[in-house]
Amino acid sequence: MYWFVAKIVYQIICGKGEHLPQFDEQLRLISAVSKQEAWKKAQQIGEQEQYAFRNQKEELVEWRFINVPELIALDELKDGMELYSRVEEPDNAGSYVALLQMKAAQLQSQKLFELNV
């Protein structure tokens, strides 16, 4: 088994989303036998940990999973542990999401996925 750090990104949407766009970037530890398996696990974590709740104004607040744009191999640490979280407020949400999707697509297409690390 190998250890990886995966960046998992969520968009935070409050109500109808008529606010400055916000994104939560989380670095997570992933234990896997290959980079491909680590990416799949990170995707599953991202999807499973989407959530929503009602705030004090009864507006729906959502953490919507965007993608896993970064994955780095590491030495042994704790599986699934969140290492870092940062809320992003870009000027253009569409461009920000497009950049994340492009990075995730590049990561998926790398030949490293064909190897065990």
PDB file of N, CA and C in Angstrom:
ATOM      1  N   MET A   1       0.846  -1.195   0.000  1.00  0.00           N
ATOM      2  CA  MET A   1       0.000   0.000   0.000  1.00  0.00           C
ATOM      3  C   MET A   1       0.881   1.244   0.000  1.00  0.00           C
ATOM      4  N   TYR A   2       0.366   2.276  -0.662  1.00  0.00           N
ATOM      5  CA  TYR A   2       1.040   3.569  -0.722  1.00  0.00           C
ATOM      6  C   TYR A   2       0.103   4.634  -0.158  1.00  0.00           C
ATOM      7  N   TRP A   3       0.679   5.758   0.219  1.00  0.00           N
ATOM      8  CA  TRP A   3      -0.103   6.882   0.719  1.00  0.00           C
ATOM      9  C   TRP A   3      -0.065   8.022  -0.296  1.00  0.00           C
ATOM     10  N   PHE A   4      -1.202   8.683  -0.455  1.00  0.00           N
ATOM     11  CA  PHE A   4      -1.356   9.788  -1.396  1.00  0.00           C
ATOM     12  C   PHE A   4      -2.083  10.937  -0.702  1.00  0.00           C
ATOM     13  N   VAL A   5      -1.823  12.148  -1.173  1.00  0.00           N
ATOM     14  CA  VAL A   5      -2.612  13.315  -0.767  1.00  0.00           C
ATOM     15  C   VAL A   5      -3.439  13.705  -1.977  1.00  0.00           C
ATOM     16  N   ALA A   6      -4.750  13.780  -1.777  1.00  0.00           N
ATOM     17  CA  ALA A   6      -5.669  14.153  -2.848  1.00  0.00           C
ATOM     18  C   ALA A   6      -6.335  15.482  -2.492  1.00  0.00           C
ATOM     19  N   LYS A   7      -6.422  16.373  -3.467  1.00  0.00           N
ATOM     20  CA  LYS A   7      -7.183  17.610  -3.270  1.00  0.00           C
ATOM     21  C   LYS A   7      -8.611  17.334  -3.731  1.00  0.00           C
ATOM     22  N   ILE A   8      -9.557  17.494  -2.806  1.00  0.00           N
ATOM     23  CA  ILE A   8     -10.977  17.309  -3.095  1.00  0.00           C
ATOM     24  C   ILE A   8     -11.628  18.689  -3.005  1.00  0.00           C
ATOM     25  N   VAL A   9     -12.357  19.080  -4.051  1.00  0.00           N
ATOM     26  CA  VAL A   9     -12.916  20.429  -4.099  1.00  0.00           C
ATOM     27  C   VAL A   9     -14.446  20.384  -4.101  1.00  0.00           C
ATOM     28  N   TYR A  10     -15.027  21.219  -3.250  1.00  0.00           N
ATOM     29  CA  TYR A  10     -16.480  21.381  -3.162  1.00  0.00           C
ATOM     30  C   TYR A  10     -16.827  22.838  -3.455  1.00  0.00           C
ATOM     31  N   GLN A  11     -17.978  23.050  -4.072  1.00  0.00           N
ATOM     32  CA  GLN A  11     -18.514  24.404  -4.207  1.00  0.00           C
ATOM     33  C   GLN A  11     -19.542  24.581  -3.103  1.00  0.00           C
ATOM     34  N   ILE A  12     -19.458  25.710  -2.406  1.00  0.00           N
ATOM     35  CA  ILE A  12     -20.402  26.013  -1.328  1.00  0.00           C
ATOM     36  C   ILE A  12     -21.460  26.943  -1.909  1.00  0.00           C
ATOM     37  N   ILE A  13     -22.707  26.502  -1.852  1.00  0.00           N
ATOM     38  CA  ILE A  13     -23.806  27.278  -2.428  1.00  0.00           C
ATOM     39  C   ILE A  13     -24.842  27.527  -1.347  1.00  0.00           C
ATOM     40  N   CYS A  14     -25.179  28.789  -1.162  1.00  0.00           N
ATOM     41  CA  CYS A  14     -26.178  29.171  -0.162  1.00  0.00           C
ATOM     42  C   CYS A  14     -27.406  29.715  -0.879  1.00  0.00           C
ATOM     43  N   GLY A  15     -28.555  29.151  -0.563  1.00  0.00           N
ATOM     44  CA  GLY A  15     -29.795  29.609  -1.188  1.00  0.00           C
ATOM     45  C   GLY A  15     -29.760  29.403  -2.688  1.00  0.00           C
ATOM     46  N   LYS A  16     -30.046  30.461  -3.437  1.00  0.00           N
ATOM     47  CA  LYS A  16     -30.065  30.393  -4.899  1.00  0.00           C
ATOM     48  C   LYS A  16     -28.676  30.613  -5.505  1.00  0.00           C
ATOM     49  N   GLY A  17     -27.665  30.760  -4.654  1.00  0.00           N
ATOM     50  CA  GLY A  17     -26.301  30.939  -5.149  1.00  0.00           C
ATOM     51  C   GLY A  17     -26.001  32.351  -5.618  1.00  0.00           C
ATOM     52  N   GLU A  18     -26.807  33.299  -5.193  1.00  0.00           N
ATOM     53  CA  GLU A  18     -26.615  34.685  -5.620  1.00  0.00           C
ATOM     54  C   GLU A  18     -25.661  35.401  -4.658  1.00  0.00           C
ATOM     55  N   HIS A  19     -24.450  34.880  -4.579  1.00  0.00           N
ATOM     56  CA  HIS A  19     -23.429  35.423  -3.688  1.00  0.00           C
ATOM     57  C   HIS A  19     -22.065  35.197  -4.337  1.00  0.00           C
ATOM     58  N   LEU A  20     -21.031  35.763  -3.742  1.00  0.00           N
ATOM     59  CA  LEU A  20     -19.673  35.558  -4.230  1.00  0.00           C
ATOM     60  C   LEU A  20     -19.387  34.052  -4.216  1.00  0.00           C
ATOM     61  N   PRO A  21     -18.956  33.483  -5.331  1.00  0.00           N
ATOM     62  CA  PRO A  21     -18.709  32.036  -5.377  1.00  0.00           C
ATOM     63  C   PRO A  21     -17.689  31.607  -4.322  1.00  0.00           C
ATOM     64  N   GLN A  22     -17.978  30.475  -3.669  1.00  0.00           N
ATOM     65  CA  GLN A  22     -17.085  29.929  -2.643  1.00  0.00           C
ATOM     66  C   GLN A  22     -16.773  28.477  -2.953  1.00  0.00           C
ATOM     67  N   PHE A  23     -15.512  28.095  -2.748  1.00  0.00           N
ATOM     68  CA  PHE A  23     -15.070  26.721  -2.957  1.00  0.00           C
ATOM     69  C   PHE A  23     -14.240  26.286  -1.763  1.00  0.00           C
ATOM     70  N   ASP A  24     -14.455  25.074  -1.322  1.00  0.00           N
ATOM     71  CA  ASP A  24     -13.705  24.491  -0.218  1.00  0.00           C
ATOM     72  C   ASP A  24     -12.740  23.470  -0.809  1.00  0.00           C
ATOM     73  N   GLU A  25     -11.428  23.742  -0.690  1.00  0.00           N
ATOM     74  CA  GLU A  25     -10.403  22.830  -1.183  1.00  0.00           C
ATOM     75  C   GLU A  25      -9.857  22.053   0.013  1.00  0.00           C
ATOM     76  N   GLN A  26      -9.987  20.746  -0.011  1.00  0.00           N
ATOM     77  CA  GLN A  26      -9.532  19.903   1.087  1.00  0.00           C
ATOM     78  C   GLN A  26      -8.432  18.968   0.605  1.00  0.00           C
ATOM     79  N   LEU A  27      -7.378  18.837   1.398  1.00  0.00           N
ATOM     80  CA  LEU A  27      -6.348  17.856   1.118  1.00  0.00           C
ATOM     81  C   LEU A  27      -6.627  16.649   2.007  1.00  0.00           C
ATOM     82  N   ARG A  28      -6.739  15.470   1.393  1.00  0.00           N
ATOM     83  CA  ARG A  28      -7.062  14.249   2.128  1.00  0.00           C
ATOM     84  C   ARG A  28      -5.997  13.197   1.919  1.00  0.00           C
ATOM     85  N   LEU A  29      -5.727  12.427   2.958  1.00  0.00           N
ATOM     86  CA  LEU A  29      -4.816  11.294   2.855  1.00  0.00           C
ATOM     87  C   LEU A  29      -5.585  10.088   2.344  1.00  0.00           C
ATOM     88  N   ILE A  30      -4.980   9.389   1.399  1.00  0.00           N
ATOM     89  CA  ILE A  30      -5.614   8.219   0.796  1.00  0.00           C
ATOM     90  C   ILE A  30      -4.605   7.077   0.811  1.00  0.00           C
ATOM     91  N   SER A  31      -5.017   5.908   1.260  1.00  0.00           N
ATOM     92  CA  SER A  31      -4.188   4.706   1.223  1.00  0.00           C
ATOM     93  C   SER A  31      -4.678   3.834   0.070  1.00  0.00           C
ATOM     94  N   ALA A  32      -3.747   3.476  -0.843  1.00  0.00           N
ATOM     95  CA  ALA A  32      -4.139   2.694  -2.023  1.00  0.00           C
ATOM     96  C   ALA A  32      -2.922   1.968  -2.585  1.00  0.00           C
ATOM     97  N   VAL A  33      -3.179   0.950  -3.404  1.00  0.00           N
ATOM     98  CA  VAL A  33      -2.097   0.186  -4.034  1.00  0.00           C
ATOM     99  C   VAL A  33      -1.574   0.861  -5.298  1.00  0.00           C
ATOM    100  N   SER A  34      -2.329   1.815  -5.853  1.00  0.00           N
ATOM    101  CA  SER A  34      -1.901   2.498  -7.067  1.00  0.00           C
ATOM    102  C   SER A  34      -2.475   3.911  -7.086  1.00  0.00           C
ATOM    103  N   LYS A  35      -1.930   4.736  -7.978  1.00  0.00           N
ATOM    104  CA  LYS A  35      -2.434   6.104  -8.130  1.00  0.00           C
ATOM    105  C   LYS A  35      -3.870   6.086  -8.645  1.00  0.00           C
ATOM    106  N   GLN A  36      -4.171   5.159  -9.530  1.00  0.00           N
ATOM    107  CA  GLN A  36      -5.531   5.062 -10.066  1.00  0.00           C
ATOM    108  C   GLN A  36      -6.529   4.728  -8.949  1.00  0.00           C
ATOM    109  N   GLU A  37      -6.177   3.769  -8.099  1.00  0.00           N
ATOM    110  CA  GLU A  37      -7.068   3.413  -6.986  1.00  0.00           C
ATOM    111  C   GLU A  37      -7.219   4.588  -6.022  1.00  0.00           C
ATOM    112  N   ALA A  38      -6.123   5.320  -5.773  1.00  0.00           N
ATOM    113  CA  ALA A  38      -6.182   6.477  -4.881  1.00  0.00           C
ATOM    114  C   ALA A  38      -7.126   7.536  -5.438  1.00  0.00           C
ATOM    115  N   TRP A  39      -7.066   7.771  -6.755  1.00  0.00           N
ATOM    116  CA  TRP A  39      -7.950   8.756  -7.366  1.00  0.00           C
ATOM    117  C   TRP A  39      -9.414   8.320  -7.254  1.00  0.00           C
ATOM    118  N   LYS A  40      -9.664   7.034  -7.486  1.00  0.00           N
ATOM    119  CA  LYS A  40     -11.036   6.525  -7.372  1.00  0.00           C
ATOM    120  C   LYS A  40     -11.556   6.673  -5.944  1.00  0.00           C
ATOM    121  N   LYS A  41     -10.706   6.359  -4.956  1.00  0.00           N
ATOM    122  CA  LYS A  41     -11.109   6.517  -3.562  1.00  0.00           C
ATOM    123  C   LYS A  41     -11.402   7.975  -3.233  1.00  0.00           C
ATOM    124  N   ALA A  42     -10.568   8.882  -3.744  1.00  0.00           N
ATOM    125  CA  ALA A  42     -10.784  10.309  -3.504  1.00  0.00           C
ATOM    126  C   ALA A  42     -12.109  10.766  -4.117  1.00  0.00           C
ATOM    127  N   GLN A  43     -12.402  10.268  -5.313  1.00  0.00           N
ATOM    128  CA  GLN A  43     -13.688  10.578  -5.956  1.00  0.00           C
ATOM    129  C   GLN A  43     -14.854  10.105  -5.077  1.00  0.00           C
ATOM    130  N   GLN A  44     -14.749   8.893  -4.551  1.00  0.00           N
ATOM    131  CA  GLN A  44     -15.804   8.343  -3.699  1.00  0.00           C
ATOM    132  C   GLN A  44     -15.982   9.175  -2.431  1.00  0.00           C
ATOM    133  N   ILE A  45     -14.869   9.566  -1.813  1.00  0.00           N
ATOM    134  CA  ILE A  45     -14.953  10.414  -0.626  1.00  0.00           C
ATOM    135  C   ILE A  45     -15.651  11.724  -0.971  1.00  0.00           C
ATOM    136  N   GLY A  46     -15.249  12.340  -2.081  1.00  0.00           N
ATOM    137  CA  GLY A  46     -15.862  13.598  -2.503  1.00  0.00           C
ATOM    138  C   GLY A  46     -17.361  13.476  -2.687  1.00  0.00           C
ATOM    139  N   GLU A  47     -17.781  12.404  -3.333  1.00  0.00           N
ATOM    140  CA  GLU A  47     -19.218  12.198  -3.564  1.00  0.00           C
ATOM    141  C   GLU A  47     -19.954  11.885  -2.267  1.00  0.00           C
ATOM    142  N   GLN A  48     -19.369  11.041  -1.419  1.00  0.00           N
ATOM    143  CA  GLN A  48     -20.025  10.637  -0.175  1.00  0.00           C
ATOM    144  C   GLN A  48     -20.141  11.781   0.825  1.00  0.00           C
ATOM    145  N   GLU A  49     -19.187  12.709   0.785  1.00  0.00           N
ATOM    146  CA  GLU A  49     -19.179  13.763   1.794  1.00  0.00           C
ATOM    147  C   GLU A  49     -19.821  15.067   1.336  1.00  0.00           C
ATOM    148  N   GLN A  50     -20.531  15.025   0.211  1.00  0.00           N
ATOM    149  CA  GLN A  50     -21.368  16.173  -0.160  1.00  0.00           C
ATOM    150  C   GLN A  50     -22.463  16.252   0.902  1.00  0.00           C
ATOM    151  N   TYR A  51     -22.853  17.431   1.259  1.00  0.00           N
ATOM    152  CA  TYR A  51     -23.967  17.527   2.202  1.00  0.00           C
ATOM    153  C   TYR A  51     -24.657  18.870   2.078  1.00  0.00           C
ATOM    154  N   ALA A  52     -25.796  18.948   2.719  1.00  0.00           N
ATOM    155  CA  ALA A  52     -26.590  20.173   2.693  1.00  0.00           C
ATOM    156  C   ALA A  52     -27.301  20.317   4.032  1.00  0.00           C
ATOM    157  N   PHE A  53     -27.571  21.557   4.409  1.00  0.00           N
ATOM    158  CA  PHE A  53     -28.313  21.837   5.638  1.00  0.00           C
ATOM    159  C   PHE A  53     -29.026  23.173   5.471  1.00  0.00           C
ATOM    160  N   ARG A  54     -29.915  23.476   6.381  1.00  0.00           N
ATOM    161  CA  ARG A  54     -30.623  24.764   6.361  1.00  0.00           C
ATOM    162  C   ARG A  54     -29.970  25.685   7.386  1.00  0.00           C
ATOM    163  N   ASN A  55     -29.667  26.911   6.953  1.00  0.00           N
ATOM    164  CA  ASN A  55     -29.063  27.877   7.873  1.00  0.00           C
ATOM    165  C   ASN A  55     -30.142  28.556   8.715  1.00  0.00           C
ATOM    166  N   GLN A  56     -29.747  29.564   9.492  1.00  0.00           N
ATOM    167  CA  GLN A  56     -30.694  30.254  10.376  1.00  0.00           C
ATOM    168  C   GLN A  56     -31.802  30.972   9.621  1.00  0.00           C
ATOM    169  N   LYS A  57     -31.545  31.300   8.340  1.00  0.00           N
ATOM    170  CA  LYS A  57     -32.555  31.957   7.503  1.00  0.00           C
ATOM    171  C   LYS A  57     -33.392  30.931   6.739  1.00  0.00           C
ATOM    172  N   GLU A  58     -33.211  29.651   7.065  1.00  0.00           N
ATOM    173  CA  GLU A  58     -33.904  28.550   6.387  1.00  0.00           C
ATOM    174  C   GLU A  58     -33.521  28.419   4.919  1.00  0.00           C
ATOM    175  N   GLU A  59     -32.334  28.953   4.549  1.00  0.00           N
ATOM    176  CA  GLU A  59     -31.824  28.789   3.194  1.00  0.00           C
ATOM    177  C   GLU A  59     -31.019  27.495   3.138  1.00  0.00           C
ATOM    178  N   LEU A  60     -31.112  26.801   2.025  1.00  0.00           N
ATOM    179  CA  LEU A  60     -30.338  25.589   1.837  1.00  0.00           C
ATOM    180  C   LEU A  60     -28.877  25.961   1.591  1.00  0.00           C
ATOM    181  N   VAL A  61     -27.967  25.352   2.350  1.00  0.00           N
ATOM    182  CA  VAL A  61     -26.527  25.535   2.171  1.00  0.00           C
ATOM    183  C   VAL A  61     -25.974  24.179   1.747  1.00  0.00           C
ATOM    184  N   GLU A  62     -25.295  24.155   0.584  1.00  0.00           N
ATOM    185  CA  GLU A  62     -24.809  22.888   0.029  1.00  0.00           C
ATOM    186  C   GLU A  62     -23.299  22.902  -0.153  1.00  0.00           C
ATOM    187  N   TRP A  63     -22.673  21.756   0.084  1.00  0.00           N
ATOM    188  CA  TRP A  63     -21.296  21.489  -0.282  1.00  0.00           C
ATOM    189  C   TRP A  63     -21.389  20.504  -1.436  1.00  0.00           C
ATOM    190  N   ARG A  64     -21.220  21.006  -2.673  1.00  0.00           N
ATOM    191  CA  ARG A  64     -21.325  20.173  -3.875  1.00  0.00           C
ATOM    192  C   ARG A  64     -19.935  19.755  -4.337  1.00  0.00           C
ATOM    193  N   PHE A  65     -19.737  18.453  -4.498  1.00  0.00           N
ATOM    194  CA  PHE A  65     -18.459  17.920  -4.954  1.00  0.00           C
ATOM    195  C   PHE A  65     -18.203  18.353  -6.391  1.00  0.00           C
ATOM    196  N   ILE A  66     -16.996  18.893  -6.651  1.00  0.00           N
ATOM    197  CA  ILE A  66     -16.605  19.312  -7.995  1.00  0.00           C
ATOM    198  C   ILE A  66     -15.737  18.231  -8.638  1.00  0.00           C
ATOM    199  N   ASN A  67     -14.556  17.960  -8.038  1.00  0.00           N
ATOM    200  CA  ASN A  67     -13.680  16.927  -8.593  1.00  0.00           C
ATOM    201  C   ASN A  67     -12.419  16.806  -7.758  1.00  0.00           C
ATOM    202  N   VAL A  68     -11.494  15.946  -8.212  1.00  0.00           N
ATOM    203  CA  VAL A  68     -10.188  15.732  -7.585  1.00  0.00           C
ATOM    204  C   VAL A  68      -9.133  16.193  -8.596  1.00  0.00           C
ATOM    205  N   PRO A  69      -8.675  17.454  -8.504  1.00  0.00           N
ATOM    206  CA  PRO A  69      -7.741  17.964  -9.496  1.00  0.00           C
ATOM    207  C   PRO A  69      -6.260  17.685  -9.218  1.00  0.00           C
ATOM    208  N   GLU A  70      -5.925  17.212  -7.997  1.00  0.00           N
ATOM    209  CA  GLU A  70      -4.533  16.954  -7.671  1.00  0.00           C
ATOM    210  C   GLU A  70      -4.408  15.686  -6.838  1.00  0.00           C
ATOM    211  N   LEU A  71      -3.328  14.927  -7.093  1.00  0.00           N
ATOM    212  CA  LEU A  71      -3.058  13.689  -6.357  1.00  0.00           C
ATOM    213  C   LEU A  71      -1.541  13.505  -6.297  1.00  0.00           C
ATOM    214  N   ILE A  72      -1.005  13.404  -5.069  1.00  0.00           N
ATOM    215  CA  ILE A  72       0.438  13.311  -4.864  1.00  0.00           C
ATOM    216  C   ILE A  72       0.748  12.117  -3.964  1.00  0.00           C
ATOM    217  N   ALA A  73       1.742  11.301  -4.347  1.00  0.00           N
ATOM    218  CA  ALA A  73       2.174  10.165  -3.537  1.00  0.00           C
ATOM    219  C   ALA A  73       2.929  10.664  -2.301  1.00  0.00           C
ATOM    220  N   LEU A  74       2.742   9.975  -1.132  1.00  0.00           N
ATOM    221  CA  LEU A  74       3.379  10.348   0.144  1.00  0.00           C
ATOM    222  C   LEU A  74       3.920   9.136   0.886  1.00  0.00           C
ATOM    223  N   ASP A  75       4.571   9.413   2.009  1.00  0.00           N
ATOM    224  CA  ASP A  75       4.945   8.357   2.947  1.00  0.00           C
ATOM    225  C   ASP A  75       3.740   8.044   3.831  1.00  0.00           C
ATOM    226  N   GLU A  76       3.850   6.987   4.629  1.00  0.00           N
ATOM    227  CA  GLU A  76       2.724   6.511   5.450  1.00  0.00           C
ATOM    228  C   GLU A  76       2.212   7.552   6.446  1.00  0.00           C
ATOM    229  N   LEU A  77       0.905   7.736   6.448  1.00  0.00           N
ATOM    230  CA  LEU A  77       0.192   8.592   7.387  1.00  0.00           C
ATOM    231  C   LEU A  77      -1.180   7.958   7.662  1.00  0.00           C
ATOM    232  N   LYS A  78      -2.169   8.715   8.105  1.00  0.00           N
ATOM    233  CA  LYS A  78      -3.487   8.168   8.442  1.00  0.00           C
ATOM    234  C   LYS A  78      -4.458   8.263   7.261  1.00  0.00           C
ATOM    235  N   ASP A  79      -5.076   7.146   6.900  1.00  0.00           N
ATOM    236  CA  ASP A  79      -5.998   7.053   5.764  1.00  0.00           C
ATOM    237  C   ASP A  79      -7.223   7.955   5.943  1.00  0.00           C
ATOM    238  N   GLY A  80      -7.515   8.744   4.928  1.00  0.00           N
ATOM    239  CA  GLY A  80      -8.728   9.569   4.920  1.00  0.00           C
ATOM    240  C   GLY A  80      -8.664  10.837   5.746  1.00  0.00           C
ATOM    241  N   MET A  81      -7.552  11.100   6.410  1.00  0.00           N
ATOM    242  CA  MET A  81      -7.431  12.264   7.280  1.00  0.00           C
ATOM    243  C   MET A  81      -7.405  13.552   6.458  1.00  0.00           C
ATOM    244  N   GLU A  82      -8.212  14.529   6.860  1.00  0.00           N
ATOM    245  CA  GLU A  82      -8.181  15.822   6.181  1.00  0.00           C
ATOM    246  C   GLU A  82      -6.954  16.580   6.663  1.00  0.00           C
ATOM    247  N   LEU A  83      -6.134  17.016   5.720  1.00  0.00           N
ATOM    248  CA  LEU A  83      -4.909  17.735   6.058  1.00  0.00           C
ATOM    249  C   LEU A  83      -5.066  19.243   5.968  1.00  0.00           C
ATOM    250  N   TYR A  84      -5.955  19.670   5.083  1.00  0.00           N
ATOM    251  CA  TYR A  84      -6.035  21.092   4.791  1.00  0.00           C
ATOM    252  C   TYR A  84      -7.394  21.391   4.185  1.00  0.00           C
ATOM    253  N   SER A  85      -7.954  22.523   4.519  1.00  0.00           N
ATOM    254  CA  SER A  85      -9.209  22.945   3.920  1.00  0.00           C
ATOM    255  C   SER A  85      -9.149  24.458   3.760  1.00  0.00           C
ATOM    256  N   ARG A  86      -9.539  24.922   2.586  1.00  0.00           N
ATOM    257  CA  ARG A  86      -9.520  26.362   2.325  1.00  0.00           C
ATOM    258  C   ARG A  86     -10.738  26.711   1.497  1.00  0.00           C
ATOM    259  N   VAL A  87     -11.431  27.756   1.870  1.00  0.00           N
ATOM    260  CA  VAL A  87     -12.585  28.223   1.119  1.00  0.00           C
ATOM    261  C   VAL A  87     -12.103  29.246   0.097  1.00  0.00           C
ATOM    262  N   GLU A  88     -12.403  28.992  -1.175  1.00  0.00           N
ATOM    263  CA  GLU A  88     -12.025  29.886  -2.263  1.00  0.00           C
ATOM    264  C   GLU A  88     -13.207  30.774  -2.638  1.00  0.00           C
ATOM    265  N   GLU A  89     -12.921  32.006  -2.991  1.00  0.00           N
ATOM    266  CA  GLU A  89     -13.943  32.935  -3.456  1.00  0.00           C
ATOM    267  C   GLU A  89     -13.470  33.597  -4.751  1.00  0.00           C
ATOM    268  N   PRO A  90     -13.444  32.834  -5.847  1.00  0.00           N
ATOM    269  CA  PRO A  90     -12.952  33.394  -7.118  1.00  0.00           C
ATOM    270  C   PRO A  90     -13.938  34.392  -7.707  1.00  0.00           C
ATOM    271  N   ASP A  91     -13.414  35.266  -8.560  1.00  0.00           N
ATOM    272  CA  ASP A  91     -14.266  36.248  -9.237  1.00  0.00           C
ATOM    273  C   ASP A  91     -15.207  35.578 -10.225  1.00  0.00           C
ATOM    274  N   ASN A  92     -14.761  34.487 -10.850  1.00  0.00           N
ATOM    275  CA  ASN A  92     -15.562  33.818 -11.868  1.00  0.00           C
ATOM    276  C   ASN A  92     -15.672  32.333 -11.530  1.00  0.00           C
ATOM    277  N   ALA A  93     -16.816  31.922 -11.015  1.00  0.00           N
ATOM    278  CA  ALA A  93     -17.021  30.522 -10.606  1.00  0.00           C
ATOM    279  C   ALA A  93     -16.904  29.574 -11.788  1.00  0.00           C
ATOM    280  N   GLY A  94     -17.426  29.953 -12.935  1.00  0.00           N
ATOM    281  CA  GLY A  94     -17.378  29.087 -14.113  1.00  0.00           C
ATOM    282  C   GLY A  94     -15.950  28.793 -14.544  1.00  0.00           C
ATOM    283  N   SER A  95     -15.106  29.815 -14.563  1.00  0.00           N
ATOM    284  CA  SER A  95     -13.702  29.623 -14.927  1.00  0.00           C
ATOM    285  C   SER A  95     -12.978  28.767 -13.901  1.00  0.00           C
ATOM    286  N   TYR A  96     -13.281  28.986 -12.638  1.00  0.00           N
ATOM    287  CA  TYR A  96     -12.651  28.212 -11.570  1.00  0.00           C
ATOM    288  C   TYR A  96     -13.021  26.733 -11.694  1.00  0.00           C
ATOM    289  N   VAL A  97     -14.291  26.438 -11.885  1.00  0.00           N
ATOM    290  CA  VAL A  97     -14.740  25.044 -12.027  1.00  0.00           C
ATOM    291  C   VAL A  97     -14.135  24.431 -13.296  1.00  0.00           C
ATOM    292  N   ALA A  98     -14.077  25.185 -14.376  1.00  0.00           N
ATOM    293  CA  ALA A  98     -13.490  24.687 -15.628  1.00  0.00           C
ATOM    294  C   ALA A  98     -12.026  24.324 -15.423  1.00  0.00           C
ATOM    295  N   LEU A  99     -11.288  25.147 -14.691  1.00  0.00           N
ATOM    296  CA  LEU A  99      -9.881  24.855 -14.402  1.00  0.00           C
ATOM    297  C   LEU A  99      -9.754  23.567 -13.581  1.00  0.00           C
ATOM    298  N   LEU A 100     -10.595  23.413 -12.574  1.00  0.00           N
ATOM    299  CA  LEU A 100     -10.566  22.189 -11.756  1.00  0.00           C
ATOM    300  C   LEU A 100     -10.883  20.958 -12.600  1.00  0.00           C
ATOM    301  N   GLN A 101     -11.876  21.070 -13.455  1.00  0.00           N
ATOM    302  CA  GLN A 101     -12.265  19.943 -14.308  1.00  0.00           C
ATOM    303  C   GLN A 101     -11.145  19.598 -15.282  1.00  0.00           C
ATOM    304  N   MET A 102     -10.459  20.625 -15.817  1.00  0.00           N
ATOM    305  CA  MET A 102      -9.356  20.397 -16.740  1.00  0.00           C
ATOM    306  C   MET A 102      -8.206  19.678 -16.021  1.00  0.00           C
ATOM    307  N   LYS A 103      -7.868  20.130 -14.813  1.00  0.00           N
ATOM    308  CA  LYS A 103      -6.805  19.482 -14.044  1.00  0.00           C
ATOM    309  C   LYS A 103      -7.167  18.029 -13.729  1.00  0.00           C
ATOM    310  N   ALA A 104      -8.424  17.781 -13.373  1.00  0.00           N
ATOM    311  CA  ALA A 104      -8.865  16.421 -13.073  1.00  0.00           C
ATOM    312  C   ALA A 104      -8.789  15.533 -14.316  1.00  0.00           C
ATOM    313  N   ALA A 105      -9.170  16.085 -15.465  1.00  0.00           N
ATOM    314  CA  ALA A 105      -9.107  15.317 -16.712  1.00  0.00           C
ATOM    315  C   ALA A 105      -7.667  14.994 -17.078  1.00  0.00           C
ATOM    316  N   GLN A 106      -6.766  15.944 -16.876  1.00  0.00           N
ATOM    317  CA  GLN A 106      -5.343  15.697 -17.141  1.00  0.00           C
ATOM    318  C   GLN A 106      -4.809  14.613 -16.222  1.00  0.00           C
ATOM    319  N   LEU A 107      -5.208  14.666 -14.967  1.00  0.00           N
ATOM    320  CA  LEU A 107      -4.775  13.661 -13.998  1.00  0.00           C
ATOM    321  C   LEU A 107      -5.259  12.273 -14.409  1.00  0.00           C
ATOM    322  N   GLN A 108      -6.499  12.180 -14.856  1.00  0.00           N
ATOM    323  CA  GLN A 108      -7.069  10.908 -15.294  1.00  0.00           C
ATOM    324  C   GLN A 108      -6.342  10.355 -16.512  1.00  0.00           C
ATOM    325  N   SER A 109      -5.895  11.219 -17.393  1.00  0.00           N
ATOM    326  CA  SER A 109      -5.313  10.760 -18.650  1.00  0.00           C
ATOM    327  C   SER A 109      -3.813  10.464 -18.567  1.00  0.00           C
ATOM    328  N   GLN A 110      -3.188  10.783 -17.453  1.00  0.00           N
ATOM    329  CA  GLN A 110      -1.750  10.553 -17.309  1.00  0.00           C
ATOM    330  C   GLN A 110      -1.433   9.060 -17.374  1.00  0.00           C
ATOM    331  N   LYS A 111      -0.314   8.740 -17.972  1.00  0.00           N
ATOM    332  CA  LYS A 111       0.113   7.354 -18.073  1.00  0.00           C
ATOM    333  C   LYS A 111       0.432   6.755 -16.698  1.00  0.00           C
ATOM    334  N   LEU A 112       0.624   7.589 -15.694  1.00  0.00           N
ATOM    335  CA  LEU A 112       0.915   7.091 -14.351  1.00  0.00           C
ATOM    336  C   LEU A 112      -0.200   6.196 -13.834  1.00  0.00           C
ATOM    337  N   PHE A 113      -1.424   6.407 -14.346  1.00  0.00           N
ATOM    338  CA  PHE A 113      -2.540   5.591 -13.909  1.00  0.00           C
ATOM    339  C   PHE A 113      -2.369   4.143 -14.369  1.00  0.00           C
ATOM    340  N   GLU A 114      -1.568   3.925 -15.380  1.00  0.00           N
ATOM    341  CA  GLU A 114      -1.347   2.587 -15.889  1.00  0.00           C
ATOM    342  C   GLU A 114      -0.309   1.834 -15.051  1.00  0.00           C
ATOM    343  N   LEU A 115       0.454   2.566 -14.233  1.00  0.00           N
ATOM    344  CA  LEU A 115       1.473   1.964 -13.385  1.00  0.00           C
ATOM    345  C   LEU A 115       0.933   1.790 -11.967  1.00  0.00           C
ATOM    346  N   ASN A 116       1.644   1.085 -11.136  1.00  0.00           N
ATOM    347  CA  ASN A 116       1.217   0.868  -9.759  1.00  0.00           C
ATOM    348  C   ASN A 116       1.536   2.030  -8.844  1.00  0.00           C
ATOM    349  N   VAL A 117       2.297   2.999  -9.279  1.00  0.00           N
ATOM    350  CA  VAL A 117       2.533   4.229  -8.506  1.00  0.00           C
ATOM    351  C   VAL A 117       2.949   5.339  -9.397  1.00  0.00           C
TER     352      VAL A 117
END
